[in-house]
């Protein structure tokens, strides 16, 4: 879930190029619909933290209520320290700083997926 189209498309391109299947959502309504329709096949939620309508944290809470144990990677242009200090996220979350590189995105996705398999 990423409301900025260019960031969303870049993430999708990187992930699909490296063998991941991606469900792309540009707004909260689409993200919730896609997750409800595909809950059995979703392995990870990658979401922006600051979005219109609903924060990434609240979106993740909704989605993990019907997909328990789903790993979540939060991304933001704000530093992880700034969003933790302002109470948006806890310190122990998986966080991807924007702008991200191919390697940082892939590394964070692998880290999230590996943490579930352990």
PDB file of N, CA and C in Angstrom:
ATOM      1  N   UNK A   1       0.847  -1.165   0.000  1.00  0.00           N
ATOM      2  CA  UNK A   1       0.000   0.000   0.000  1.00  0.00           C
ATOM      3  C   UNK A   1       0.891   1.226   0.000  1.00  0.00           C
ATOM      4  N   UNK A   2       0.792   1.965  -1.058  1.00  0.00           N
ATOM      5  CA  UNK A   2       1.575   3.194  -1.199  1.00  0.00           C
ATOM      6  C   UNK A   2       0.742   4.159  -2.012  1.00  0.00           C
ATOM      7  N   UNK A   3       0.505   5.348  -1.480  1.00  0.00           N
ATOM      8  CA  UNK A   3      -0.331   6.315  -2.170  1.00  0.00           C
ATOM      9  C   UNK A   3       0.413   7.091  -3.256  1.00  0.00           C
ATOM     10  N   UNK A   4       1.729   7.064  -3.237  1.00  0.00           N
ATOM     11  CA  UNK A   4       2.495   7.730  -4.292  1.00  0.00           C
ATOM     12  C   UNK A   4       2.742   6.740  -5.427  1.00  0.00           C
ATOM     13  N   UNK A   5       2.156   7.018  -6.585  1.00  0.00           N
ATOM     14  CA  UNK A   5       2.191   6.068  -7.698  1.00  0.00           C
ATOM     15  C   UNK A   5       3.609   5.694  -8.125  1.00  0.00           C
ATOM     16  N   UNK A   6       4.503   6.652  -8.220  1.00  0.00           N
ATOM     17  CA  UNK A   6       5.853   6.347  -8.695  1.00  0.00           C
ATOM     18  C   UNK A   6       6.583   5.414  -7.724  1.00  0.00           C
ATOM     19  N   UNK A   7       6.398   5.617  -6.434  1.00  0.00           N
ATOM     20  CA  UNK A   7       7.035   4.752  -5.430  1.00  0.00           C
ATOM     21  C   UNK A   7       6.422   3.366  -5.483  1.00  0.00           C
ATOM     22  N   UNK A   8       5.091   3.314  -5.594  1.00  0.00           N
ATOM     23  CA  UNK A   8       4.380   2.038  -5.658  1.00  0.00           C
ATOM     24  C   UNK A   8       4.817   1.223  -6.868  1.00  0.00           C
ATOM     25  N   UNK A   9       4.894   1.862  -8.010  1.00  0.00           N
ATOM     26  CA  UNK A   9       5.287   1.146  -9.237  1.00  0.00           C
ATOM     27  C   UNK A   9       6.742   0.691  -9.190  1.00  0.00           C
ATOM     28  N   UNK A  10       7.608   1.514  -8.610  1.00  0.00           N
ATOM     29  CA  UNK A  10       9.014   1.121  -8.506  1.00  0.00           C
ATOM     30  C   UNK A  10       9.145  -0.101  -7.594  1.00  0.00           C
ATOM     31  N   UNK A  11       8.466  -0.072  -6.459  1.00  0.00           N
ATOM     32  CA  UNK A  11       8.522  -1.216  -5.537  1.00  0.00           C
ATOM     33  C   UNK A  11       7.991  -2.473  -6.221  1.00  0.00           C
ATOM     34  N   UNK A  12       6.884  -2.332  -6.923  1.00  0.00           N
ATOM     35  CA  UNK A  12       6.309  -3.484  -7.619  1.00  0.00           C
ATOM     36  C   UNK A  12       7.289  -4.042  -8.648  1.00  0.00           C
ATOM     37  N   UNK A  13       7.891  -3.164  -9.431  1.00  0.00           N
ATOM     38  CA  UNK A  13       8.833  -3.602 -10.462  1.00  0.00           C
ATOM     39  C   UNK A  13      10.015  -4.354  -9.846  1.00  0.00           C
ATOM     40  N   UNK A  14      10.573  -3.806  -8.778  1.00  0.00           N
ATOM     41  CA  UNK A  14      11.713  -4.453  -8.112  1.00  0.00           C
ATOM     42  C   UNK A  14      11.305  -5.828  -7.598  1.00  0.00           C
ATOM     43  N   UNK A  15      10.185  -5.886  -6.897  1.00  0.00           N
ATOM     44  CA  UNK A  15       9.758  -7.150  -6.294  1.00  0.00           C
ATOM     45  C   UNK A  15       9.415  -8.194  -7.346  1.00  0.00           C
ATOM     46  N   UNK A  16       8.688  -7.810  -8.376  1.00  0.00           N
ATOM     47  CA  UNK A  16       8.320  -8.776  -9.417  1.00  0.00           C
ATOM     48  C   UNK A  16       9.537  -9.245 -10.198  1.00  0.00           C
ATOM     49  N   UNK A  17      10.487  -8.356 -10.435  1.00  0.00           N
ATOM     50  CA  UNK A  17      11.717  -8.732 -11.126  1.00  0.00           C
ATOM     51  C   UNK A  17      12.486  -9.794 -10.347  1.00  0.00           C
ATOM     52  N   UNK A  18      12.299  -9.815  -9.033  1.00  0.00           N
ATOM     53  CA  UNK A  18      13.003 -10.773  -8.181  1.00  0.00           C
ATOM     54  C   UNK A  18      12.108 -11.921  -7.731  1.00  0.00           C
ATOM     55  N   UNK A  19      11.038 -12.164  -8.474  1.00  0.00           N
ATOM     56  CA  UNK A  19      10.239 -13.362  -8.280  1.00  0.00           C
ATOM     57  C   UNK A  19       9.058 -13.267  -7.334  1.00  0.00           C
ATOM     58  N   UNK A  20       8.784 -12.096  -6.797  1.00  0.00           N
ATOM     59  CA  UNK A  20       7.651 -11.944  -5.893  1.00  0.00           C
ATOM     60  C   UNK A  20       6.386 -11.600  -6.686  1.00  0.00           C
ATOM     61  N   UNK A  21       5.250 -12.082  -6.231  1.00  0.00           N
ATOM     62  CA  UNK A  21       3.956 -11.675  -6.776  1.00  0.00           C
ATOM     63  C   UNK A  21       3.472 -10.499  -5.937  1.00  0.00           C
ATOM     64  N   UNK A  22       2.927  -9.488  -6.590  1.00  0.00           N
ATOM     65  CA  UNK A  22       2.563  -8.259  -5.899  1.00  0.00           C
ATOM     66  C   UNK A  22       1.105  -7.901  -6.174  1.00  0.00           C
ATOM     67  N   UNK A  23       0.382  -7.581  -5.117  1.00  0.00           N
ATOM     68  CA  UNK A  23      -0.938  -6.972  -5.220  1.00  0.00           C
ATOM     69  C   UNK A  23      -0.729  -5.503  -4.891  1.00  0.00           C
ATOM     70  N   UNK A  24      -1.037  -4.638  -5.829  1.00  0.00           N
ATOM     71  CA  UNK A  24      -0.726  -3.216  -5.699  1.00  0.00           C
ATOM     72  C   UNK A  24      -1.980  -2.435  -5.315  1.00  0.00           C
ATOM     73  N   UNK A  25      -1.871  -1.609  -4.286  1.00  0.00           N
ATOM     74  CA  UNK A  25      -2.980  -0.766  -3.857  1.00  0.00           C
ATOM     75  C   UNK A  25      -2.499   0.671  -3.694  1.00  0.00           C
ATOM     76  N   UNK A  26      -3.265   1.595  -4.247  1.00  0.00           N
ATOM     77  CA  UNK A  26      -2.932   3.011  -4.164  1.00  0.00           C
ATOM     78  C   UNK A  26      -3.715   3.754  -3.104  1.00  0.00           C
ATOM     79  N   UNK A  27      -4.709   3.070  -2.504  1.00  0.00           N
ATOM     80  CA  UNK A  27      -5.441   3.693  -1.407  1.00  0.00           C
ATOM     81  C   UNK A  27      -5.901   2.622  -0.425  1.00  0.00           C
ATOM     82  N   UNK A  28      -6.323   3.062   0.723  1.00  0.00           N
ATOM     83  CA  UNK A  28      -6.683   2.159   1.813  1.00  0.00           C
ATOM     84  C   UNK A  28      -7.845   1.245   1.417  1.00  0.00           C
ATOM     85  N   UNK A  29      -8.828   1.792   0.751  1.00  0.00           N
ATOM     86  CA  UNK A  29      -9.995   0.996   0.344  1.00  0.00           C
ATOM     87  C   UNK A  29      -9.561  -0.180  -0.533  1.00  0.00           C
ATOM     88  N   UNK A  30      -8.722   0.080  -1.524  1.00  0.00           N
ATOM     89  CA  UNK A  30      -8.229  -0.999  -2.395  1.00  0.00           C
ATOM     90  C   UNK A  30      -7.378  -2.002  -1.623  1.00  0.00           C
ATOM     91  N   UNK A  31      -6.559  -1.511  -0.706  1.00  0.00           N
ATOM     92  CA  UNK A  31      -5.716  -2.408   0.086  1.00  0.00           C
ATOM     93  C   UNK A  31      -6.566  -3.358   0.922  1.00  0.00           C
ATOM     94  N   UNK A  32      -7.583  -2.833   1.578  1.00  0.00           N
ATOM     95  CA  UNK A  32      -8.462  -3.683   2.386  1.00  0.00           C
ATOM     96  C   UNK A  32      -9.205  -4.695   1.519  1.00  0.00           C
ATOM     97  N   UNK A  33      -9.701  -4.249   0.376  1.00  0.00           N
ATOM     98  CA  UNK A  33     -10.417  -5.148  -0.538  1.00  0.00           C
ATOM     99  C   UNK A  33      -9.501  -6.255  -1.037  1.00  0.00           C
ATOM    100  N   UNK A  34      -8.314  -5.902  -1.494  1.00  0.00           N
ATOM    101  CA  UNK A  34      -7.367  -6.897  -2.000  1.00  0.00           C
ATOM    102  C   UNK A  34      -6.992  -7.906  -0.917  1.00  0.00           C
ATOM    103  N   UNK A  35      -6.791  -7.430   0.286  1.00  0.00           N
ATOM    104  CA  UNK A  35      -6.420  -8.339   1.376  1.00  0.00           C
ATOM    105  C   UNK A  35      -7.569  -9.260   1.754  1.00  0.00           C
ATOM    106  N   UNK A  36      -8.778  -8.757   1.759  1.00  0.00           N
ATOM    107  CA  UNK A  36      -9.932  -9.614   2.041  1.00  0.00           C
ATOM    108  C   UNK A  36     -10.103 -10.679   0.967  1.00  0.00           C
ATOM    109  N   UNK A  37      -9.953 -10.281  -0.286  1.00  0.00           N
ATOM    110  CA  UNK A  37     -10.142 -11.204  -1.409  1.00  0.00           C
ATOM    111  C   UNK A  37      -9.011 -12.217  -1.540  1.00  0.00           C
ATOM    112  N   UNK A  38      -7.826 -11.890  -1.032  1.00  0.00           N
ATOM    113  CA  UNK A  38      -6.643 -12.734  -1.242  1.00  0.00           C
ATOM    114  C   UNK A  38      -5.959 -13.136   0.054  1.00  0.00           C
ATOM    115  N   UNK A  39      -6.669 -13.117   1.155  1.00  0.00           N
ATOM    116  CA  UNK A  39      -6.039 -13.319   2.465  1.00  0.00           C
ATOM    117  C   UNK A  39      -5.278 -14.641   2.578  1.00  0.00           C
ATOM    118  N   UNK A  40      -5.721 -15.663   1.864  1.00  0.00           N
ATOM    119  CA  UNK A  40      -5.055 -16.968   1.953  1.00  0.00           C
ATOM    120  C   UNK A  40      -3.707 -16.992   1.241  1.00  0.00           C
ATOM    121  N   UNK A  41      -3.475 -16.054   0.336  1.00  0.00           N
ATOM    122  CA  UNK A  41      -2.240 -16.097  -0.457  1.00  0.00           C
ATOM    123  C   UNK A  41      -1.287 -14.941  -0.171  1.00  0.00           C
ATOM    124  N   UNK A  42      -1.612 -14.093   0.780  1.00  0.00           N
ATOM    125  CA  UNK A  42      -0.750 -12.948   1.086  1.00  0.00           C
ATOM    126  C   UNK A  42       0.252 -13.349   2.165  1.00  0.00           C
ATOM    127  N   UNK A  43       1.530 -13.086   1.878  1.00  0.00           N
ATOM    128  CA  UNK A  43       2.605 -13.445   2.802  1.00  0.00           C
ATOM    129  C   UNK A  43       3.199 -12.247   3.529  1.00  0.00           C
ATOM    130  N   UNK A  44       2.903 -11.023   3.065  1.00  0.00           N
ATOM    131  CA  UNK A  44       3.552  -9.839   3.614  1.00  0.00           C
ATOM    132  C   UNK A  44       2.737  -8.603   3.248  1.00  0.00           C
ATOM    133  N   UNK A  45       2.688  -7.654   4.165  1.00  0.00           N
ATOM    134  CA  UNK A  45       2.111  -6.337   3.881  1.00  0.00           C
ATOM    135  C   UNK A  45       3.240  -5.322   3.901  1.00  0.00           C
ATOM    136  N   UNK A  46       3.394  -4.592   2.808  1.00  0.00           N
ATOM    137  CA  UNK A  46       4.344  -3.489   2.709  1.00  0.00           C
ATOM    138  C   UNK A  46       3.500  -2.228   2.598  1.00  0.00           C
ATOM    139  N   UNK A  47       3.605  -1.346   3.575  1.00  0.00           N
ATOM    140  CA  UNK A  47       2.746  -0.168   3.588  1.00  0.00           C
ATOM    141  C   UNK A  47       3.486   1.091   4.005  1.00  0.00           C
ATOM    142  N   UNK A  48       3.067   2.185   3.401  1.00  0.00           N
ATOM    143  CA  UNK A  48       3.555   3.490   3.823  1.00  0.00           C
ATOM    144  C   UNK A  48       3.011   3.760   5.222  1.00  0.00           C
ATOM    145  N   UNK A  49       3.687   4.572   5.981  1.00  0.00           N
ATOM    146  CA  UNK A  49       3.242   4.904   7.333  1.00  0.00           C
ATOM    147  C   UNK A  49       2.237   6.049   7.299  1.00  0.00           C
ATOM    148  N   UNK A  50       2.581   7.127   6.620  1.00  0.00           N
ATOM    149  CA  UNK A  50       1.747   8.324   6.588  1.00  0.00           C
ATOM    150  C   UNK A  50       0.975   8.348   5.273  1.00  0.00           C
ATOM    151  N   UNK A  51      -0.354   8.222   5.384  1.00  0.00           N
ATOM    152  CA  UNK A  51      -1.220   8.221   4.192  1.00  0.00           C
ATOM    153  C   UNK A  51      -2.495   8.984   4.498  1.00  0.00           C
ATOM    154  N   UNK A  52      -3.187   9.432   3.457  1.00  0.00           N
ATOM    155  CA  UNK A  52      -4.488  10.047   3.696  1.00  0.00           C
ATOM    156  C   UNK A  52      -5.481   8.999   4.213  1.00  0.00           C
ATOM    157  N   UNK A  53      -6.447   9.398   4.950  1.00  0.00           N
ATOM    158  CA  UNK A  53      -7.548   8.583   5.452  1.00  0.00           C
ATOM    159  C   UNK A  53      -7.156   7.735   6.657  1.00  0.00           C
ATOM    160  N   UNK A  54      -6.093   6.942   6.544  1.00  0.00           N
ATOM    161  CA  UNK A  54      -5.732   5.991   7.597  1.00  0.00           C
ATOM    162  C   UNK A  54      -4.224   5.788   7.580  1.00  0.00           C
ATOM    163  N   UNK A  55      -3.617   5.722   8.747  1.00  0.00           N
ATOM    164  CA  UNK A  55      -2.168   5.484   8.798  1.00  0.00           C
ATOM    165  C   UNK A  55      -1.862   4.033   8.434  1.00  0.00           C
ATOM    166  N   UNK A  56      -0.637   3.784   8.071  1.00  0.00           N
ATOM    167  CA  UNK A  56      -0.207   2.425   7.775  1.00  0.00           C
ATOM    168  C   UNK A  56      -0.343   1.510   8.974  1.00  0.00           C
ATOM    169  N   UNK A  57      -0.134   2.050  10.164  1.00  0.00           N
ATOM    170  CA  UNK A  57      -0.267   1.246  11.379  1.00  0.00           C
ATOM    171  C   UNK A  57      -1.707   0.792  11.575  1.00  0.00           C
ATOM    172  N   UNK A  58      -2.664   1.692  11.389  1.00  0.00           N
ATOM    173  CA  UNK A  58      -4.075   1.344  11.543  1.00  0.00           C
ATOM    174  C   UNK A  58      -4.496   0.374  10.438  1.00  0.00           C
ATOM    175  N   UNK A  59      -4.034   0.601   9.215  1.00  0.00           N
ATOM    176  CA  UNK A  59      -4.317  -0.322   8.119  1.00  0.00           C
ATOM    177  C   UNK A  59      -3.803  -1.711   8.464  1.00  0.00           C
ATOM    178  N   UNK A  60      -2.583  -1.796   8.949  1.00  0.00           N
ATOM    179  CA  UNK A  60      -2.003  -3.097   9.307  1.00  0.00           C
ATOM    180  C   UNK A  60      -2.803  -3.767  10.422  1.00  0.00           C
ATOM    181  N   UNK A  61      -3.283  -2.998  11.381  1.00  0.00           N
ATOM    182  CA  UNK A  61      -4.108  -3.571  12.451  1.00  0.00           C
ATOM    183  C   UNK A  61      -5.388  -4.180  11.884  1.00  0.00           C
ATOM    184  N   UNK A  62      -6.019  -3.485  10.938  1.00  0.00           N
ATOM    185  CA  UNK A  62      -7.226  -4.020  10.297  1.00  0.00           C
ATOM    186  C   UNK A  62      -6.913  -5.312   9.546  1.00  0.00           C
ATOM    187  N   UNK A  63      -5.855  -5.282   8.758  1.00  0.00           N
ATOM    188  CA  UNK A  63      -5.529  -6.429   7.914  1.00  0.00           C
ATOM    189  C   UNK A  63      -5.080  -7.622   8.753  1.00  0.00           C
ATOM    190  N   UNK A  64      -4.279  -7.391   9.774  1.00  0.00           N
ATOM    191  CA  UNK A  64      -3.826  -8.521  10.588  1.00  0.00           C
ATOM    192  C   UNK A  64      -4.948  -9.083  11.461  1.00  0.00           C
ATOM    193  N   UNK A  65      -6.061  -8.377  11.575  1.00  0.00           N
ATOM    194  CA  UNK A  65      -7.194  -8.938  12.314  1.00  0.00           C
ATOM    195  C   UNK A  65      -7.813 -10.115  11.565  1.00  0.00           C
ATOM    196  N   UNK A  66      -7.724 -10.124  10.230  1.00  0.00           N
ATOM    197  CA  UNK A  66      -8.213 -11.274   9.471  1.00  0.00           C
ATOM    198  C   UNK A  66      -7.080 -12.051   8.801  1.00  0.00           C
ATOM    199  N   UNK A  67      -5.865 -11.606   8.974  1.00  0.00           N
ATOM    200  CA  UNK A  67      -4.665 -12.337   8.526  1.00  0.00           C
ATOM    201  C   UNK A  67      -3.670 -12.355   9.688  1.00  0.00           C
ATOM    202  N   UNK A  68      -3.997 -13.060  10.762  1.00  0.00           N
ATOM    203  CA  UNK A  68      -3.113 -13.038  11.938  1.00  0.00           C
ATOM    204  C   UNK A  68      -1.713 -13.554  11.602  1.00  0.00           C
ATOM    205  N   UNK A  69      -0.730 -12.905  12.195  1.00  0.00           N
ATOM    206  CA  UNK A  69       0.652 -13.320  11.985  1.00  0.00           C
ATOM    207  C   UNK A  69       1.279 -12.788  10.710  1.00  0.00           C
ATOM    208  N   UNK A  70       0.526 -12.031   9.934  1.00  0.00           N
ATOM    209  CA  UNK A  70       1.055 -11.479   8.682  1.00  0.00           C
ATOM    210  C   UNK A  70       2.170 -10.490   9.002  1.00  0.00           C
ATOM    211  N   UNK A  71       3.362 -10.707   8.450  1.00  0.00           N
ATOM    212  CA  UNK A  71       4.435  -9.744   8.689  1.00  0.00           C
ATOM    213  C   UNK A  71       4.147  -8.429   7.964  1.00  0.00           C
ATOM    214  N   UNK A  72       4.549  -7.340   8.584  1.00  0.00           N
ATOM    215  CA  UNK A  72       4.316  -6.010   8.032  1.00  0.00           C
ATOM    216  C   UNK A  72       5.638  -5.261   7.975  1.00  0.00           C
ATOM    217  N   UNK A  73       5.909  -4.672   6.818  1.00  0.00           N
ATOM    218  CA  UNK A  73       7.049  -3.776   6.659  1.00  0.00           C
ATOM    219  C   UNK A  73       6.471  -2.387   6.418  1.00  0.00           C
ATOM    220  N   UNK A  74       6.851  -1.452   7.275  1.00  0.00           N
ATOM    221  CA  UNK A  74       6.413  -0.070   7.145  1.00  0.00           C
ATOM    222  C   UNK A  74       7.495   0.718   6.434  1.00  0.00           C
ATOM    223  N   UNK A  75       7.074   1.650   5.577  1.00  0.00           N
ATOM    224  CA  UNK A  75       8.048   2.507   4.909  1.00  0.00           C
ATOM    225  C   UNK A  75       7.614   3.957   5.037  1.00  0.00           C
ATOM    226  N   UNK A  76       8.604   4.838   5.066  1.00  0.00           N
ATOM    227  CA  UNK A  76       8.304   6.255   5.196  1.00  0.00           C
ATOM    228  C   UNK A  76       9.502   7.079   4.769  1.00  0.00           C
ATOM    229  N   UNK A  77       9.218   8.285   4.348  1.00  0.00           N
ATOM    230  CA  UNK A  77      10.266   9.257   4.069  1.00  0.00           C
ATOM    231  C   UNK A  77      10.771   9.911   5.340  1.00  0.00           C
ATOM    232  N   UNK A  78       9.999   9.793   6.432  1.00  0.00           N
ATOM    233  CA  UNK A  78      10.447  10.260   7.730  1.00  0.00           C
ATOM    234  C   UNK A  78      11.427   9.224   8.278  1.00  0.00           C
ATOM    235  N   UNK A  79      12.332   9.635   9.129  1.00  0.00           N
ATOM    236  CA  UNK A  79      13.264   8.667   9.713  1.00  0.00           C
ATOM    237  C   UNK A  79      12.520   7.793  10.712  1.00  0.00           C
ATOM    238  N   UNK A  80      13.021   6.587  10.924  1.00  0.00           N
ATOM    239  CA  UNK A  80      12.376   5.692  11.882  1.00  0.00           C
ATOM    240  C   UNK A  80      12.370   6.317  13.272  1.00  0.00           C
ATOM    241  N   UNK A  81      13.428   7.050  13.625  1.00  0.00           N
ATOM    242  CA  UNK A  81      13.485   7.704  14.925  1.00  0.00           C
ATOM    243  C   UNK A  81      12.371   8.752  15.059  1.00  0.00           C
ATOM    244  N   UNK A  82      12.136   9.515  14.007  1.00  0.00           N
ATOM    245  CA  UNK A  82      11.108  10.568  14.060  1.00  0.00           C
ATOM    246  C   UNK A  82       9.717   9.970  14.206  1.00  0.00           C
ATOM    247  N   UNK A  83       9.418   8.899  13.486  1.00  0.00           N
ATOM    248  CA  UNK A  83       8.068   8.345  13.594  1.00  0.00           C
ATOM    249  C   UNK A  83       7.865   7.595  14.902  1.00  0.00           C
ATOM    250  N   UNK A  84       8.925   7.037  15.470  1.00  0.00           N
ATOM    251  CA  UNK A  84       8.820   6.412  16.789  1.00  0.00           C
ATOM    252  C   UNK A  84       8.610   7.496  17.846  1.00  0.00           C
ATOM    253  N   UNK A  85       9.386   8.575  17.778  1.00  0.00           N
ATOM    254  CA  UNK A  85       9.270   9.674  18.751  1.00  0.00           C
ATOM    255  C   UNK A  85       7.877  10.295  18.746  1.00  0.00           C
ATOM    256  N   UNK A  86       7.261  10.345  17.584  1.00  0.00           N
ATOM    257  CA  UNK A  86       5.924  10.944  17.486  1.00  0.00           C
ATOM    258  C   UNK A  86       4.814   9.922  17.720  1.00  0.00           C
ATOM    259  N   UNK A  87       5.162   8.727  18.148  1.00  0.00           N
ATOM    260  CA  UNK A  87       4.160   7.743  18.522  1.00  0.00           C
ATOM    261  C   UNK A  87       3.454   7.069  17.371  1.00  0.00           C
ATOM    262  N   UNK A  88       3.986   7.176  16.162  1.00  0.00           N
ATOM    263  CA  UNK A  88       3.329   6.581  15.008  1.00  0.00           C
ATOM    264  C   UNK A  88       3.612   5.081  14.946  1.00  0.00           C
ATOM    265  N   UNK A  89       4.824   4.686  15.290  1.00  0.00           N
ATOM    266  CA  UNK A  89       5.197   3.271  15.292  1.00  0.00           C
ATOM    267  C   UNK A  89       6.009   2.951  16.537  1.00  0.00           C
ATOM    268  N   UNK A  90       6.004   1.680  16.912  1.00  0.00           N
ATOM    269  CA  UNK A  90       6.844   1.233  18.017  1.00  0.00           C
ATOM    270  C   UNK A  90       8.260   0.997  17.506  1.00  0.00           C
ATOM    271  N   UNK A  91       9.182   0.849  18.425  1.00  0.00           N
ATOM    272  CA  UNK A  91      10.590   0.709  18.057  1.00  0.00           C
ATOM    273  C   UNK A  91      10.927  -0.629  17.407  1.00  0.00           C
ATOM    274  N   UNK A  92      10.159  -1.678  17.671  1.00  0.00           N
ATOM    275  CA  UNK A  92      10.536  -3.007  17.194  1.00  0.00           C
ATOM    276  C   UNK A  92       9.889  -3.400  15.863  1.00  0.00           C
ATOM    277  N   UNK A  93       9.427  -2.441  15.097  1.00  0.00           N
ATOM    278  CA  UNK A  93       8.789  -2.739  13.816  1.00  0.00           C
ATOM    279  C   UNK A  93       9.844  -2.889  12.714  1.00  0.00           C
ATOM    280  N   UNK A  94       9.440  -3.513  11.617  1.00  0.00           N
ATOM    281  CA  UNK A  94      10.310  -3.575  10.439  1.00  0.00           C
ATOM    282  C   UNK A  94      10.067  -2.299   9.646  1.00  0.00           C
ATOM    283  N   UNK A  95      11.113  -1.523   9.453  1.00  0.00           N
ATOM    284  CA  UNK A  95      10.990  -0.196   8.850  1.00  0.00           C
ATOM    285  C   UNK A  95      11.930  -0.058   7.664  1.00  0.00           C
ATOM    286  N   UNK A  96      11.398   0.472   6.570  1.00  0.00           N
ATOM    287  CA  UNK A  96      12.169   0.730   5.357  1.00  0.00           C
ATOM    288  C   UNK A  96      12.157   2.228   5.093  1.00  0.00           C
ATOM    289  N   UNK A  97      13.336   2.822   5.104  1.00  0.00           N
ATOM    290  CA  UNK A  97      13.467   4.259   4.864  1.00  0.00           C
ATOM    291  C   UNK A  97      13.287   4.574   3.379  1.00  0.00           C
ATOM    292  N   UNK A  98      12.456   5.570   3.058  1.00  0.00           N
ATOM    293  CA  UNK A  98      12.338   6.067   1.686  1.00  0.00           C
ATOM    294  C   UNK A  98      13.200   7.314   1.561  1.00  0.00           C
ATOM    295  N   UNK A  99      13.821   7.545   0.439  1.00  0.00           N
ATOM    296  CA  UNK A  99      13.811   6.666  -0.740  1.00  0.00           C
ATOM    297  C   UNK A  99      14.634   5.420  -0.462  1.00  0.00           C
ATOM    298  N   UNK A 100      14.147   4.303  -0.979  1.00  0.00           N
ATOM    299  CA  UNK A 100      14.839   3.039  -0.763  1.00  0.00           C
ATOM    300  C   UNK A 100      15.539   2.609  -2.039  1.00  0.00           C
ATOM    301  N   UNK A 101      16.501   1.729  -1.859  1.00  0.00           N
ATOM    302  CA  UNK A 101      17.200   1.147  -2.999  1.00  0.00           C
ATOM    303  C   UNK A 101      16.620  -0.243  -3.258  1.00  0.00           C
ATOM    304  N   UNK A 102      16.982  -0.806  -4.365  1.00  0.00           N
ATOM    305  CA  UNK A 102      16.570  -2.179  -4.681  1.00  0.00           C
ATOM    306  C   UNK A 102      17.016  -3.116  -3.572  1.00  0.00           C
ATOM    307  N   UNK A 103      18.276  -2.993  -3.177  1.00  0.00           N
ATOM    308  CA  UNK A 103      18.817  -3.887  -2.158  1.00  0.00           C
ATOM    309  C   UNK A 103      18.166  -3.694  -0.793  1.00  0.00           C
ATOM    310  N   UNK A 104      17.880  -2.455  -0.426  1.00  0.00           N
ATOM    311  CA  UNK A 104      17.256  -2.244   0.886  1.00  0.00           C
ATOM    312  C   UNK A 104      15.818  -2.777   0.905  1.00  0.00           C
ATOM    313  N   UNK A 105      15.086  -2.609  -0.185  1.00  0.00           N
ATOM    314  CA  UNK A 105      13.724  -3.154  -0.269  1.00  0.00           C
ATOM    315  C   UNK A 105      13.753  -4.675  -0.215  1.00  0.00           C
ATOM    316  N   UNK A 106      14.559  -5.287  -1.039  1.00  0.00           N
ATOM    317  CA  UNK A 106      14.637  -6.750  -1.061  1.00  0.00           C
ATOM    318  C   UNK A 106      15.128  -7.309   0.275  1.00  0.00           C
ATOM    319  N   UNK A 107      16.077  -6.639   0.881  1.00  0.00           N
ATOM    320  CA  UNK A 107      16.589  -7.092   2.173  1.00  0.00           C
ATOM    321  C   UNK A 107      15.529  -7.040   3.262  1.00  0.00           C
ATOM    322  N   UNK A 108      14.749  -5.970   3.283  1.00  0.00           N
ATOM    323  CA  UNK A 108      13.710  -5.836   4.304  1.00  0.00           C
ATOM    324  C   UNK A 108      12.595  -6.851   4.079  1.00  0.00           C
ATOM    325  N   UNK A 109      12.253  -7.118   2.820  1.00  0.00           N
ATOM    326  CA  UNK A 109      11.226  -8.130   2.522  1.00  0.00           C
ATOM    327  C   UNK A 109      11.725  -9.508   2.956  1.00  0.00           C
ATOM    328  N   UNK A 110      12.962  -9.839   2.634  1.00  0.00           N
ATOM    329  CA  UNK A 110      13.532 -11.130   3.062  1.00  0.00           C
ATOM    330  C   UNK A 110      13.566 -11.240   4.579  1.00  0.00           C
ATOM    331  N   UNK A 111      13.950 -10.163   5.238  1.00  0.00           N
ATOM    332  CA  UNK A 111      13.991 -10.161   6.703  1.00  0.00           C
ATOM    333  C   UNK A 111      12.601 -10.436   7.285  1.00  0.00           C
ATOM    334  N   UNK A 112      11.591  -9.810   6.741  1.00  0.00           N
ATOM    335  CA  UNK A 112      10.213 -10.004   7.229  1.00  0.00           C
ATOM    336  C   UNK A 112       9.742 -11.421   6.984  1.00  0.00           C
ATOM    337  N   UNK A 113       9.985 -11.936   5.799  1.00  0.00           N
ATOM    338  CA  UNK A 113       9.530 -13.294   5.469  1.00  0.00           C
ATOM    339  C   UNK A 113      10.299 -14.337   6.262  1.00  0.00           C
ATOM    340  N   UNK A 114      11.578 -14.122   6.493  1.00  0.00           N
ATOM    341  CA  UNK A 114      12.389 -15.052   7.264  1.00  0.00           C
ATOM    342  C   UNK A 114      11.966 -15.069   8.729  1.00  0.00           C
ATOM    343  N   UNK A 115      11.597 -13.925   9.254  1.00  0.00           N
ATOM    344  CA  UNK A 115      11.208 -13.856  10.673  1.00  0.00           C
ATOM    345  C   UNK A 115       9.949 -14.676  10.941  1.00  0.00           C
ATOM    346  N   UNK A 116       9.104 -14.847   9.946  1.00  0.00           N
ATOM    347  CA  UNK A 116       7.886 -15.632  10.099  1.00  0.00           C
ATOM    348  C   UNK A 116       8.194 -17.127  10.049  1.00  0.00           C
ATOM    349  N   UNK A 117       9.165 -17.509   9.233  1.00  0.00           N
ATOM    350  CA  UNK A 117       9.485 -18.916   9.024  1.00  0.00           C
ATOM    351  C   UNK A 117      10.287 -19.505  10.167  1.00  0.00           C
ATOM    352  N   UNK A 118      10.887 -18.685  11.011  1.00  0.00           N
ATOM    353  CA  UNK A 118      11.732 -19.170  12.098  1.00  0.00           C
ATOM    354  C   UNK A 118      10.910 -19.773  13.196  1.00  0.00           C
TER     355      UNK A 118
END
